Every structure is written in structure tokens, then in C-alpha cells.
Amino acid sequence: MADNTQKGPGKVWTPGLKDNEFRRLSEFIYKQVGILMPPSKKTMLSARLQKRLSILKQSSFTEYVDWVLDPKHAGEELIHFIDIVTTNKTDFFREPAHFEYMSKTALPALVERFGAGVSRPLKIWSAACSSGEEPYTLAIVLHEFGETLPARKINANVLATDISSRVLQRAKKAVYESTKTDPIAINLKKKYLLRSKDRSKKLVRMGPELRNMIKFRRLNFMDNDYGIGDKMDIVFCRNAIIYFDRPTTEAIVNKFCRHMTPGGYLFIGHSETLNDLKTPLEPVAPTIYQLPG
């Protein structure tokens, strides 16, 4: 097998991906997960794969590409590869206007019109949950809203999915550096977050009332069947569809719609839009859409 390494005085390194290797990987990524990988991403992909090659103690991109693209031999490495190419950037209470709309408009409407959260469970789906900041934020908002109801609680649960097994493992642990929780208001931190007994570690964990509300699982938007039996009242899929082309985005959003209750809401990222896409959704606020009920 060809050796992609170059040698210098006292040093061995692996050069970047060759054009044909990058093309093979980008075509595979699009087919498997729907993400576009234009030539401008070649340097980024090379750098990320270089770290993986170091872990595997491989020195050849060619060897790795042949391996991961071989369906008979890739096995678990395919999961690691997908983790490498997916971007996972999130924060607690990111794009706060969404959570304000949710608590002041969407949740009251769902309770009043459909009894969601009162006479039946209210279901929310964090469809690209990354390392968990979004679903835990949703759980906080739900708990806070529940305290405004006559029963002082809400019957609700959150499904949190992502294609990356790596970030899902982090999300399930529910442990974060304390600086990551800066966007959470002080009163909410005192109410829902647990500080580490070892104060030198400066770690916090989400409280049990939040953890018990959320179920995590791996999901690929490109799958034909999402394996979700419940209809969702609210779907958050923010800063994910920006990586897909128009036909893929349209197909994914229509899959979301099939899993939504009539009158349910879809929240997308501030830099995303569903304009000119053929979906049954109607805009009700910037980057917020509703399925007619």
C-alpha cells in the first residue's frame, strides 16, 4: 500500500489529504449523513483526521481512507469518522429569543389548545442536541413554565438525538465546566445545578429533575425511518440544516413534520431559513414555524 508519509531530519509527518482522497470522503459524507463538504473544507478535514491517525498510530491517509470506505472492514471506525466530520457547537440558552417565545407563546398555546403537559405528556425533540446544552436548557424552561400552572408542575419529556456518539456520551454524563454554564441565570443555577464536591475541579452537574426528563439516543437525519413513535409538540433543530443542500434540507424538514403534532412548532437556527422549501410549515416568528393544526 502506498506510503503517504514524508520524512525530514528527525521528523515524520503525514501530508494533507490528496485531492482524490478528499473527493472520495466528501462524496461518502454526503451520501451517509447529507453534509456538504466543499473543497474549502479540505484543510479542516485533513487536520481533524490527522488527530485520529495519531490515535490509531497510522501514518497514511491513503490507508485510512481505504479502510473507512470499506463497508466490510470499517466497523466501529465509521462511527468515529462521522464524529470527526460533524461540527458540535452549542451553549446553554443559545439564541435566547427562542426560549422566551417557547415559554411565553408556544407552551401556553399548546396547553390551552391541546392540554399538552396537563392532560397528556408534552413532548419536545432536540434533534441535533450535540453535547446536551440545548436539551438541558429545554428542561429548565419546562420546569420553570410548569411552576406557573395550577398544579405547579408539567408532564413533559425531551428526546435528544445526535449523529455523534461521542457528544451523546458527554451529554448523558450531564457534567460541564462551570464556565460553560455562564449563560444560565444565577437563580436557576442554584435551583438546578449541582457543584462538584471537589471544588478545585470547577465542575457542575445537571440536577436529577433535569436528567430524568431527557432521553438521549443516536439518530441520522438521512435514515428513512427515525424510529420515533411519539408525535412531537416542539422540535428544535438549530444550526444543523445549514450544512445540507436544499433538496436534503427539504426532505429532512418534511420528515420532522411527519413526527409533529398539528399545531406543533419547529425552531431553527438564526442563520437558517425554510424560505422556498416545500413544507406544510407556516412562519410565526423569525426562525420559528408552526404546523397548521
C-alpha atoms as a PDB file:
ATOM      1  CA  MET A   1       0.000   0.000   0.000  1.00  0.00           C
ATOM      2  CA  ALA A   2       1.284   3.468  -0.835  1.00  0.00           C
ATOM      3  CA  ASP A   3       3.000   5.374   1.960  1.00  0.00           C
ATOM      4  CA  ASN A   4       1.726   8.941   2.279  1.00  0.00           C
ATOM      5  CA  THR A   5       4.359   9.994   4.806  1.00  0.00           C
ATOM      6  CA  GLN A   6       7.259  12.351   4.266  1.00  0.00           C
ATOM      7  CA  LYS A   7      10.472  12.304   6.240  1.00  0.00           C
ATOM      8  CA  GLY A   8      12.797  15.038   7.303  1.00  0.00           C
ATOM      9  CA  PRO A   9      15.662  15.352   9.808  1.00  0.00           C
ATOM     10  CA  GLY A  10      14.364  13.643  12.963  1.00  0.00           C
ATOM     11  CA  LYS A  11      10.738  14.049  11.907  1.00  0.00           C
ATOM     12  CA  VAL A  12       7.980  12.013  10.282  1.00  0.00           C
ATOM     13  CA  TRP A  13       4.711  13.608   9.271  1.00  0.00           C
ATOM     14  CA  THR A  14       1.666  12.906   7.140  1.00  0.00           C
ATOM     15  CA  PRO A  15       0.837  15.479   4.456  1.00  0.00           C
ATOM     16  CA  GLY A  16      -2.701  16.613   3.816  1.00  0.00           C
ATOM     17  CA  LEU A  17      -5.322  14.617   2.020  1.00  0.00           C
ATOM     18  CA  LYS A  18      -4.784  14.180  -1.686  1.00  0.00           C
ATOM     19  CA  ASP A  19      -7.493  15.651  -3.916  1.00  0.00           C
ATOM     20  CA  ASN A  20      -8.843  12.240  -4.925  1.00  0.00           C
ATOM     21  CA  GLU A  21      -8.924  11.098  -1.277  1.00  0.00           C
ATOM     22  CA  PHE A  22     -10.805  14.208  -0.230  1.00  0.00           C
ATOM     23  CA  ARG A  23     -13.247  13.752  -3.111  1.00  0.00           C
ATOM     24  CA  ARG A  24     -13.934  10.143  -2.101  1.00  0.00           C
ATOM     25  CA  LEU A  25     -14.525  11.153   1.511  1.00  0.00           C
ATOM     26  CA  SER A  26     -16.722  14.149   0.661  1.00  0.00           C
ATOM     27  CA  GLU A  27     -18.929  12.015  -1.594  1.00  0.00           C
ATOM     28  CA  PHE A  28     -19.202   9.407   1.137  1.00  0.00           C
ATOM     29  CA  ILE A  29     -20.063  12.018   3.791  1.00  0.00           C
ATOM     30  CA  TYR A  30     -22.822  13.459   1.615  1.00  0.00           C
ATOM     31  CA  LYS A  31     -24.285  10.025   0.939  1.00  0.00           C
ATOM     32  CA  GLN A  32     -24.136   8.870   4.559  1.00  0.00           C
ATOM     33  CA  VAL A  33     -25.114  11.961   6.535  1.00  0.00           C
ATOM     34  CA  GLY A  34     -26.186  14.528   3.925  1.00  0.00           C
ATOM     35  CA  ILE A  35     -23.496  17.048   4.866  1.00  0.00           C
ATOM     36  CA  LEU A  36     -21.845  19.041   2.107  1.00  0.00           C
ATOM     37  CA  MET A  37     -18.050  19.065   2.246  1.00  0.00           C
ATOM     38  CA  PRO A  38     -16.843  21.618  -0.334  1.00  0.00           C
ATOM     39  CA  PRO A  39     -13.160  21.909  -1.335  1.00  0.00           C
ATOM     40  CA  SER A  40     -12.757  24.790   1.121  1.00  0.00           C
ATOM     41  CA  LYS A  41     -13.169  22.241   3.943  1.00  0.00           C
ATOM     42  CA  LYS A  42     -10.259  20.081   2.809  1.00  0.00           C
ATOM     43  CA  THR A  43      -7.712  21.623   5.200  1.00  0.00           C
ATOM     44  CA  MET A  44     -10.127  21.338   8.121  1.00  0.00           C
ATOM     45  CA  LEU A  45     -10.876  17.682   7.376  1.00  0.00           C
ATOM     46  CA  SER A  46      -7.171  16.890   6.994  1.00  0.00           C
ATOM     47  CA  ALA A  47      -6.411  18.408  10.397  1.00  0.00           C
ATOM     48  CA  ARG A  48      -9.196  16.506  12.125  1.00  0.00           C
ATOM     49  CA  LEU A  49      -8.237  13.206  10.518  1.00  0.00           C
ATOM     50  CA  GLN A  50      -4.596  13.756  11.415  1.00  0.00           C
ATOM     51  CA  LYS A  51      -5.557  13.590  15.100  1.00  0.00           C
ATOM     52  CA  ARG A  52      -7.397  10.326  14.510  1.00  0.00           C
ATOM     53  CA  LEU A  53      -4.440   8.839  12.649  1.00  0.00           C
ATOM     54  CA  SER A  54      -2.222   9.708  15.604  1.00  0.00           C
ATOM     55  CA  ILE A  55      -4.554   7.844  17.963  1.00  0.00           C
ATOM     56  CA  LEU A  56      -4.590   4.830  15.645  1.00  0.00           C
ATOM     57  CA  LYS A  57      -0.831   5.101  15.105  1.00  0.00           C
ATOM     58  CA  GLN A  58      -1.343   5.206  11.351  1.00  0.00           C
ATOM     59  CA  SER A  59       0.866   7.359   9.133  1.00  0.00           C
ATOM     60  CA  SER A  60      -1.001   7.060   5.852  1.00  0.00           C
ATOM     61  CA  PHE A  61      -4.139   8.926   4.835  1.00  0.00           C
ATOM     62  CA  THR A  62      -4.472   6.530   1.914  1.00  0.00           C
ATOM     63  CA  GLU A  63      -4.603   3.551   4.234  1.00  0.00           C
ATOM     64  CA  TYR A  64      -7.194   5.222   6.454  1.00  0.00           C
ATOM     65  CA  VAL A  65      -9.432   6.322   3.567  1.00  0.00           C
ATOM     66  CA  ASP A  66      -9.418   2.838   2.045  1.00  0.00           C
ATOM     67  CA  TRP A  67     -10.285   1.392   5.446  1.00  0.00           C
ATOM     68  CA  VAL A  68     -13.135   3.709   6.427  1.00  0.00           C
ATOM     69  CA  LEU A  69     -14.771   3.497   2.999  1.00  0.00           C
ATOM     70  CA  ASP A  70     -14.733  -0.306   3.006  1.00  0.00           C
ATOM     71  CA  PRO A  71     -18.161  -1.430   4.346  1.00  0.00           C
ATOM     72  CA  LYS A  72     -16.786  -4.880   5.192  1.00  0.00           C
ATOM     73  CA  HIS A  73     -13.980  -3.644   7.435  1.00  0.00           C
ATOM     74  CA  ALA A  74     -14.763  -0.128   8.674  1.00  0.00           C
ATOM     75  CA  GLY A  75     -16.979  -1.322  11.520  1.00  0.00           C
ATOM     76  CA  GLU A  76     -16.875   0.923  14.574  1.00  0.00           C
ATOM     77  CA  GLU A  77     -14.337   3.223  12.928  1.00  0.00           C
ATOM     78  CA  LEU A  78     -17.144   4.519  10.724  1.00  0.00           C
ATOM     79  CA  ILE A  79     -18.809   5.919  13.866  1.00  0.00           C
ATOM     80  CA  HIS A  80     -15.548   7.605  14.878  1.00  0.00           C
ATOM     81  CA  PHE A  81     -15.191   9.052  11.377  1.00  0.00           C
ATOM     82  CA  ILE A  82     -18.694  10.541  11.456  1.00  0.00           C
ATOM     83  CA  ASP A  83     -17.905  12.027  14.870  1.00  0.00           C
ATOM     84  CA  ILE A  84     -14.841  13.664  13.317  1.00  0.00           C
ATOM     85  CA  VAL A  85     -16.648  15.306  10.405  1.00  0.00           C
ATOM     86  CA  THR A  86     -19.686  16.609  12.287  1.00  0.00           C
ATOM     87  CA  THR A  87     -19.480  20.020  13.920  1.00  0.00           C
ATOM     88  CA  ASN A  88     -20.717  20.303  17.502  1.00  0.00           C
ATOM     89  CA  LYS A  89     -21.000  23.882  18.753  1.00  0.00           C
ATOM     90  CA  THR A  90     -23.627  24.758  21.307  1.00  0.00           C
ATOM     91  CA  ASP A  91     -24.263  26.699  24.504  1.00  0.00           C
ATOM     92  CA  PHE A  92     -26.821  26.886  27.270  1.00  0.00           C
ATOM     93  CA  PHE A  93     -29.668  29.261  26.374  1.00  0.00           C
ATOM     94  CA  ARG A  94     -28.179  29.845  22.924  1.00  0.00           C
ATOM     95  CA  GLU A  95     -30.391  32.222  20.904  1.00  0.00           C
ATOM     96  CA  PRO A  96     -32.439  33.170  23.999  1.00  0.00           C
ATOM     97  CA  ALA A  97     -35.322  34.676  21.998  1.00  0.00           C
ATOM     98  CA  HIS A  98     -36.355  31.115  21.136  1.00  0.00           C
ATOM     99  CA  PHE A  99     -36.766  30.135  24.771  1.00  0.00           C
ATOM    100  CA  GLU A 100     -38.662  33.328  25.512  1.00  0.00           C
ATOM    101  CA  TYR A 101     -41.087  32.573  22.669  1.00  0.00           C
ATOM    102  CA  MET A 102     -41.370  28.985  23.854  1.00  0.00           C
ATOM    103  CA  SER A 103     -42.276  29.918  27.435  1.00  0.00           C
ATOM    104  CA  LYS A 104     -44.499  32.923  26.646  1.00  0.00           C
ATOM    105  CA  THR A 105     -46.242  31.801  23.459  1.00  0.00           C
ATOM    106  CA  ALA A 106     -45.727  28.197  22.355  1.00  0.00           C
ATOM    107  CA  LEU A 107     -46.156  26.407  25.680  1.00  0.00           C
ATOM    108  CA  PRO A 108     -49.255  28.368  26.781  1.00  0.00           C
ATOM    109  CA  ALA A 109     -50.852  27.735  23.366  1.00  0.00           C
ATOM    110  CA  LEU A 110     -50.096  24.004  23.481  1.00  0.00           C
ATOM    111  CA  VAL A 111     -51.501  23.713  26.999  1.00  0.00           C
ATOM    112  CA  GLU A 112     -54.648  25.695  26.199  1.00  0.00           C
ATOM    113  CA  ARG A 113     -55.438  24.165  22.802  1.00  0.00           C
ATOM    114  CA  PHE A 114     -54.364  20.568  23.294  1.00  0.00           C
ATOM    115  CA  GLY A 115     -53.869  20.037  27.007  1.00  0.00           C
ATOM    116  CA  ALA A 116     -50.212  19.243  26.318  1.00  0.00           C
ATOM    117  CA  GLY A 117     -48.317  18.846  29.564  1.00  0.00           C
ATOM    118  CA  VAL A 118     -51.513  18.692  31.596  1.00  0.00           C
ATOM    119  CA  SER A 119     -53.987  16.108  30.289  1.00  0.00           C
ATOM    120  CA  ARG A 120     -51.294  14.382  28.245  1.00  0.00           C
ATOM    121  CA  PRO A 121     -47.483  14.468  28.168  1.00  0.00           C
ATOM    122  CA  LEU A 122     -45.891  17.365  26.297  1.00  0.00           C
ATOM    123  CA  LYS A 123     -43.101  16.095  24.067  1.00  0.00           C
ATOM    124  CA  ILE A 124     -40.098  18.060  22.828  1.00  0.00           C
ATOM    125  CA  TRP A 125     -37.373  16.879  20.473  1.00  0.00           C
ATOM    126  CA  SER A 126     -33.883  18.367  20.452  1.00  0.00           C
ATOM    127  CA  ALA A 127     -32.969  16.975  17.044  1.00  0.00           C
ATOM    128  CA  ALA A 128     -29.284  17.965  16.963  1.00  0.00           C
ATOM    129  CA  CYS A 129     -28.532  18.038  20.663  1.00  0.00           C
ATOM    130  CA  SER A 130     -24.715  17.961  20.486  1.00  0.00           C
ATOM    131  CA  SER A 131     -23.199  17.757  23.991  1.00  0.00           C
ATOM    132  CA  GLY A 132     -26.514  18.380  25.735  1.00  0.00           C
ATOM    133  CA  GLU A 133     -26.645  22.093  26.481  1.00  0.00           C
ATOM    134  CA  GLU A 134     -29.831  22.563  24.444  1.00  0.00           C
ATOM    135  CA  PRO A 135     -31.928  19.718  25.914  1.00  0.00           C
ATOM    136  CA  TYR A 136     -30.929  20.668  29.470  1.00  0.00           C
ATOM    137  CA  THR A 137     -31.900  24.260  28.698  1.00  0.00           C
ATOM    138  CA  LEU A 138     -35.249  22.983  27.423  1.00  0.00           C
ATOM    139  CA  ALA A 139     -35.720  21.001  30.629  1.00  0.00           C
ATOM    140  CA  ILE A 140     -35.067  24.117  32.717  1.00  0.00           C
ATOM    141  CA  VAL A 141     -37.572  26.135  30.669  1.00  0.00           C
ATOM    142  CA  LEU A 142     -40.171  23.375  31.046  1.00  0.00           C
ATOM    143  CA  HIS A 143     -39.718  23.181  34.816  1.00  0.00           C
ATOM    144  CA  GLU A 144     -39.954  26.947  35.156  1.00  0.00           C
ATOM    145  CA  PHE A 145     -43.073  27.092  32.996  1.00  0.00           C
ATOM    146  CA  GLY A 146     -44.632  24.235  34.953  1.00  0.00           C
ATOM    147  CA  GLU A 147     -44.466  26.312  38.112  1.00  0.00           C
ATOM    148  CA  THR A 148     -46.867  28.799  36.513  1.00  0.00           C
ATOM    149  CA  LEU A 149     -49.545  26.135  36.055  1.00  0.00           C
ATOM    150  CA  PRO A 150     -52.225  25.438  38.669  1.00  0.00           C
ATOM    151  CA  ALA A 151     -50.662  22.083  39.569  1.00  0.00           C
ATOM    152  CA  ARG A 152     -47.218  23.767  39.818  1.00  0.00           C
ATOM    153  CA  LYS A 153     -45.693  21.135  37.540  1.00  0.00           C
ATOM    154  CA  ILE A 154     -45.761  19.985  33.928  1.00  0.00           C
ATOM    155  CA  ASN A 155     -45.909  16.475  32.479  1.00  0.00           C
ATOM    156  CA  ALA A 156     -43.231  16.693  29.813  1.00  0.00           C
ATOM    157  CA  ASN A 157     -40.213  14.882  28.410  1.00  0.00           C
ATOM    158  CA  VAL A 158     -37.407  15.670  25.981  1.00  0.00           C
ATOM    159  CA  LEU A 159     -35.977  13.397  23.295  1.00  0.00           C
ATOM    160  CA  ALA A 160     -32.398  14.441  22.493  1.00  0.00           C
ATOM    161  CA  THR A 161     -30.706  12.991  19.419  1.00  0.00           C
ATOM    162  CA  ASP A 162     -27.465  13.466  17.549  1.00  0.00           C
ATOM    163  CA  ILE A 163     -25.467  11.560  14.943  1.00  0.00           C
ATOM    164  CA  SER A 164     -22.284  11.791  17.044  1.00  0.00           C
ATOM    165  CA  SER A 165     -21.875   9.041  19.636  1.00  0.00           C
ATOM    166  CA  ARG A 166     -19.021  10.988  21.188  1.00  0.00           C
ATOM    167  CA  VAL A 167     -21.065  14.058  22.087  1.00  0.00           C
ATOM    168  CA  LEU A 168     -24.002  11.921  23.221  1.00  0.00           C
ATOM    169  CA  GLN A 169     -21.761  10.265  25.792  1.00  0.00           C
ATOM    170  CA  ARG A 170     -20.800  13.685  27.123  1.00  0.00           C
ATOM    171  CA  ALA A 171     -24.439  14.784  27.170  1.00  0.00           C
ATOM    172  CA  LYS A 172     -25.562  11.754  29.158  1.00  0.00           C
ATOM    173  CA  LYS A 173     -22.964  12.453  31.850  1.00  0.00           C
ATOM    174  CA  ALA A 174     -24.506  15.918  32.307  1.00  0.00           C
ATOM    175  CA  VAL A 175     -21.204  17.252  33.686  1.00  0.00           C
ATOM    176  CA  TYR A 176     -19.851  20.596  32.460  1.00  0.00           C
ATOM    177  CA  GLU A 177     -17.123  23.050  33.308  1.00  0.00           C
ATOM    178  CA  SER A 178     -18.657  25.776  35.431  1.00  0.00           C
ATOM    179  CA  THR A 179     -17.693  28.446  32.877  1.00  0.00           C
ATOM    180  CA  LYS A 180     -19.918  26.706  30.306  1.00  0.00           C
ATOM    181  CA  THR A 181     -22.948  27.490  32.459  1.00  0.00           C
ATOM    182  CA  ASP A 182     -22.335  31.253  32.495  1.00  0.00           C
ATOM    183  CA  PRO A 183     -25.418  31.930  30.290  1.00  0.00           C
ATOM    184  CA  ILE A 184     -27.672  30.347  32.948  1.00  0.00           C
ATOM    185  CA  ALA A 185     -29.166  32.859  35.408  1.00  0.00           C
ATOM    186  CA  ILE A 186     -27.807  32.682  38.964  1.00  0.00           C
ATOM    187  CA  ASN A 187     -31.180  31.727  40.486  1.00  0.00           C
ATOM    188  CA  LEU A 188     -31.556  28.871  38.002  1.00  0.00           C
ATOM    189  CA  LYS A 189     -28.029  27.625  38.705  1.00  0.00           C
ATOM    190  CA  LYS A 190     -28.795  27.465  42.428  1.00  0.00           C
ATOM    191  CA  LYS A 191     -32.039  25.666  41.686  1.00  0.00           C
ATOM    192  CA  TYR A 192     -30.987  23.062  39.113  1.00  0.00           C
ATOM    193  CA  LEU A 193     -27.180  22.635  39.115  1.00  0.00           C
ATOM    194  CA  LEU A 194     -25.047  20.531  41.461  1.00  0.00           C
ATOM    195  CA  ARG A 195     -21.494  21.650  42.257  1.00  0.00           C
ATOM    196  CA  SER A 196     -18.676  19.133  42.395  1.00  0.00           C
ATOM    197  CA  LYS A 197     -17.595  18.090  45.896  1.00  0.00           C
ATOM    198  CA  ASP A 198     -14.043  18.670  44.718  1.00  0.00           C
ATOM    199  CA  ARG A 199     -14.221  22.447  44.288  1.00  0.00           C
ATOM    200  CA  SER A 200     -10.812  22.533  42.587  1.00  0.00           C
ATOM    201  CA  LYS A 201     -12.295  20.821  39.509  1.00  0.00           C
ATOM    202  CA  LYS A 202     -14.817  23.623  38.940  1.00  0.00           C
ATOM    203  CA  LEU A 203     -17.380  21.208  37.507  1.00  0.00           C
ATOM    204  CA  VAL A 204     -21.167  21.203  37.763  1.00  0.00           C
ATOM    205  CA  ARG A 205     -23.747  18.544  37.008  1.00  0.00           C
ATOM    206  CA  MET A 206     -27.314  18.991  35.899  1.00  0.00           C
ATOM    207  CA  GLY A 207     -29.731  18.119  38.692  1.00  0.00           C
ATOM    208  CA  PRO A 208     -31.779  14.891  38.678  1.00  0.00           C
ATOM    209  CA  GLU A 209     -35.036  16.692  37.852  1.00  0.00           C
ATOM    210  CA  LEU A 210     -33.440  17.741  34.545  1.00  0.00           C
ATOM    211  CA  ARG A 211     -31.642  14.464  33.799  1.00  0.00           C
ATOM    212  CA  ASN A 212     -34.756  12.391  34.424  1.00  0.00           C
ATOM    213  CA  MET A 213     -36.711  14.404  31.882  1.00  0.00           C
ATOM    214  CA  ILE A 214     -34.356  13.678  28.951  1.00  0.00           C
ATOM    215  CA  LYS A 215     -33.768  10.556  26.872  1.00  0.00           C
ATOM    216  CA  PHE A 216     -30.690  10.503  24.620  1.00  0.00           C
ATOM    217  CA  ARG A 217     -30.236   8.376  21.500  1.00  0.00           C
ATOM    218  CA  ARG A 218     -28.258   8.370  18.256  1.00  0.00           C
ATOM    219  CA  LEU A 219     -30.085   9.346  15.069  1.00  0.00           C
ATOM    220  CA  ASN A 220     -29.033  10.030  11.482  1.00  0.00           C
ATOM    221  CA  PHE A 221     -31.217  12.527   9.603  1.00  0.00           C
ATOM    222  CA  MET A 222     -30.569  10.568   6.407  1.00  0.00           C
ATOM    223  CA  ASP A 223     -32.310   7.436   7.719  1.00  0.00           C
ATOM    224  CA  ASN A 224     -35.668   6.681   6.137  1.00  0.00           C
ATOM    225  CA  ASP A 225     -37.169   5.643   9.468  1.00  0.00           C
ATOM    226  CA  TYR A 226     -36.291   7.696  12.551  1.00  0.00           C
ATOM    227  CA  GLY A 227     -37.804   5.089  14.859  1.00  0.00           C
ATOM    228  CA  ILE A 228     -39.788   7.725  16.757  1.00  0.00           C
ATOM    229  CA  GLY A 229     -43.300   6.600  17.586  1.00  0.00           C
ATOM    230  CA  ASP A 230     -44.410   9.696  19.504  1.00  0.00           C
ATOM    231  CA  LYS A 231     -45.641  12.890  17.899  1.00  0.00           C
ATOM    232  CA  MET A 232     -43.673  15.938  18.999  1.00  0.00           C
ATOM    233  CA  ASP A 233     -45.208  19.215  20.154  1.00  0.00           C
ATOM    234  CA  ILE A 234     -41.966  21.144  19.710  1.00  0.00           C
ATOM    235  CA  VAL A 235     -38.896  20.355  17.608  1.00  0.00           C
ATOM    236  CA  PHE A 236     -35.603  22.204  17.978  1.00  0.00           C
ATOM    237  CA  CYS A 237     -33.208  21.684  15.066  1.00  0.00           C
ATOM    238  CA  ARG A 238     -30.894  24.660  15.154  1.00  0.00           C
ATOM    239  CA  ASN A 239     -27.686  25.293  13.239  1.00  0.00           C
ATOM    240  CA  ALA A 240     -27.757  21.847  11.651  1.00  0.00           C
ATOM    241  CA  ILE A 241     -29.620  22.152   8.355  1.00  0.00           C
ATOM    242  CA  ILE A 242     -27.195  24.885   7.325  1.00  0.00           C
ATOM    243  CA  TYR A 243     -24.791  22.079   6.381  1.00  0.00           C
ATOM    244  CA  PHE A 244     -27.234  20.459   3.921  1.00  0.00           C
ATOM    245  CA  ASP A 245     -28.166  21.382   0.366  1.00  0.00           C
ATOM    246  CA  ARG A 246     -31.724  22.432  -0.461  1.00  0.00           C
ATOM    247  CA  PRO A 247     -33.136  19.007  -1.522  1.00  0.00           C
ATOM    248  CA  THR A 248     -31.686  17.349   1.575  1.00  0.00           C
ATOM    249  CA  THR A 249     -32.967  20.109   3.860  1.00  0.00           C
ATOM    250  CA  GLU A 250     -36.434  19.889   2.357  1.00  0.00           C
ATOM    251  CA  ALA A 251     -36.542  16.114   2.822  1.00  0.00           C
ATOM    252  CA  ILE A 252     -35.355  16.344   6.430  1.00  0.00           C
ATOM    253  CA  VAL A 253     -37.806  19.087   7.405  1.00  0.00           C
ATOM    254  CA  ASN A 254     -40.695  17.115   5.931  1.00  0.00           C
ATOM    255  CA  LYS A 255     -39.585  14.122   7.996  1.00  0.00           C
ATOM    256  CA  PHE A 256     -39.749  16.374  11.054  1.00  0.00           C
ATOM    257  CA  CYS A 257     -43.286  17.358  10.090  1.00  0.00           C
ATOM    258  CA  ARG A 258     -44.369  13.734   9.998  1.00  0.00           C
ATOM    259  CA  HIS A 259     -43.272  13.462  13.624  1.00  0.00           C
ATOM    260  CA  MET A 260     -45.016  16.665  14.785  1.00  0.00           C
ATOM    261  CA  THR A 261     -48.462  17.167  16.267  1.00  0.00           C
ATOM    262  CA  PRO A 262     -50.816  19.543  14.419  1.00  0.00           C
ATOM    263  CA  GLY A 263     -50.184  22.950  15.944  1.00  0.00           C
ATOM    264  CA  GLY A 264     -46.632  21.960  16.873  1.00  0.00           C
ATOM    265  CA  TYR A 265     -43.607  24.227  16.495  1.00  0.00           C
ATOM    266  CA  LEU A 266     -40.240  23.926  14.747  1.00  0.00           C
ATOM    267  CA  PHE A 267     -37.329  26.137  15.856  1.00  0.00           C
ATOM    268  CA  ILE A 268     -34.323  26.515  13.535  1.00  0.00           C
ATOM    269  CA  GLY A 269     -31.063  28.468  13.828  1.00  0.00           C
ATOM    270  CA  HIS A 270     -30.814  32.237  13.439  1.00  0.00           C
ATOM    271  CA  SER A 271     -28.801  31.861  10.212  1.00  0.00           C
ATOM    272  CA  GLU A 272     -31.195  29.318   8.684  1.00  0.00           C
ATOM    273  CA  THR A 273     -34.430  29.640   6.739  1.00  0.00           C
ATOM    274  CA  LEU A 274     -37.116  27.459   5.205  1.00  0.00           C
ATOM    275  CA  ASN A 275     -37.947  30.017   2.521  1.00  0.00           C
ATOM    276  CA  ASP A 276     -38.723  28.442  -0.872  1.00  0.00           C
ATOM    277  CA  LEU A 277     -38.864  24.942   0.609  1.00  0.00           C
ATOM    278  CA  LYS A 278     -41.965  22.845   0.020  1.00  0.00           C
ATOM    279  CA  THR A 279     -43.164  22.060   3.536  1.00  0.00           C
ATOM    280  CA  PRO A 280     -46.524  22.419   5.316  1.00  0.00           C
ATOM    281  CA  LEU A 281     -44.996  24.704   7.954  1.00  0.00           C
ATOM    282  CA  GLU A 282     -46.006  28.337   8.395  1.00  0.00           C
ATOM    283  CA  PRO A 283     -43.722  31.049   9.849  1.00  0.00           C
ATOM    284  CA  VAL A 284     -44.974  32.517  13.135  1.00  0.00           C
ATOM    285  CA  ALA A 285     -41.828  34.402  14.231  1.00  0.00           C
ATOM    286  CA  PRO A 286     -38.244  34.771  12.978  1.00  0.00           C
ATOM    287  CA  THR A 287     -36.815  31.227  12.561  1.00  0.00           C
ATOM    288  CA  ILE A 288     -39.924  29.720  14.230  1.00  0.00           C
ATOM    289  CA  TYR A 289     -42.509  27.742  12.267  1.00  0.00           C
ATOM    290  CA  GLN A 290     -45.783  26.026  13.093  1.00  0.00           C
ATOM    291  CA  LEU A 291     -47.512  23.002  11.612  1.00  0.00           C
ATOM    292  CA  PRO A 292     -51.126  24.052  10.905  1.00  0.00           C
ATOM    293  CA  GLY A 293     -53.495  22.451  13.371  1.00  0.00           C
END
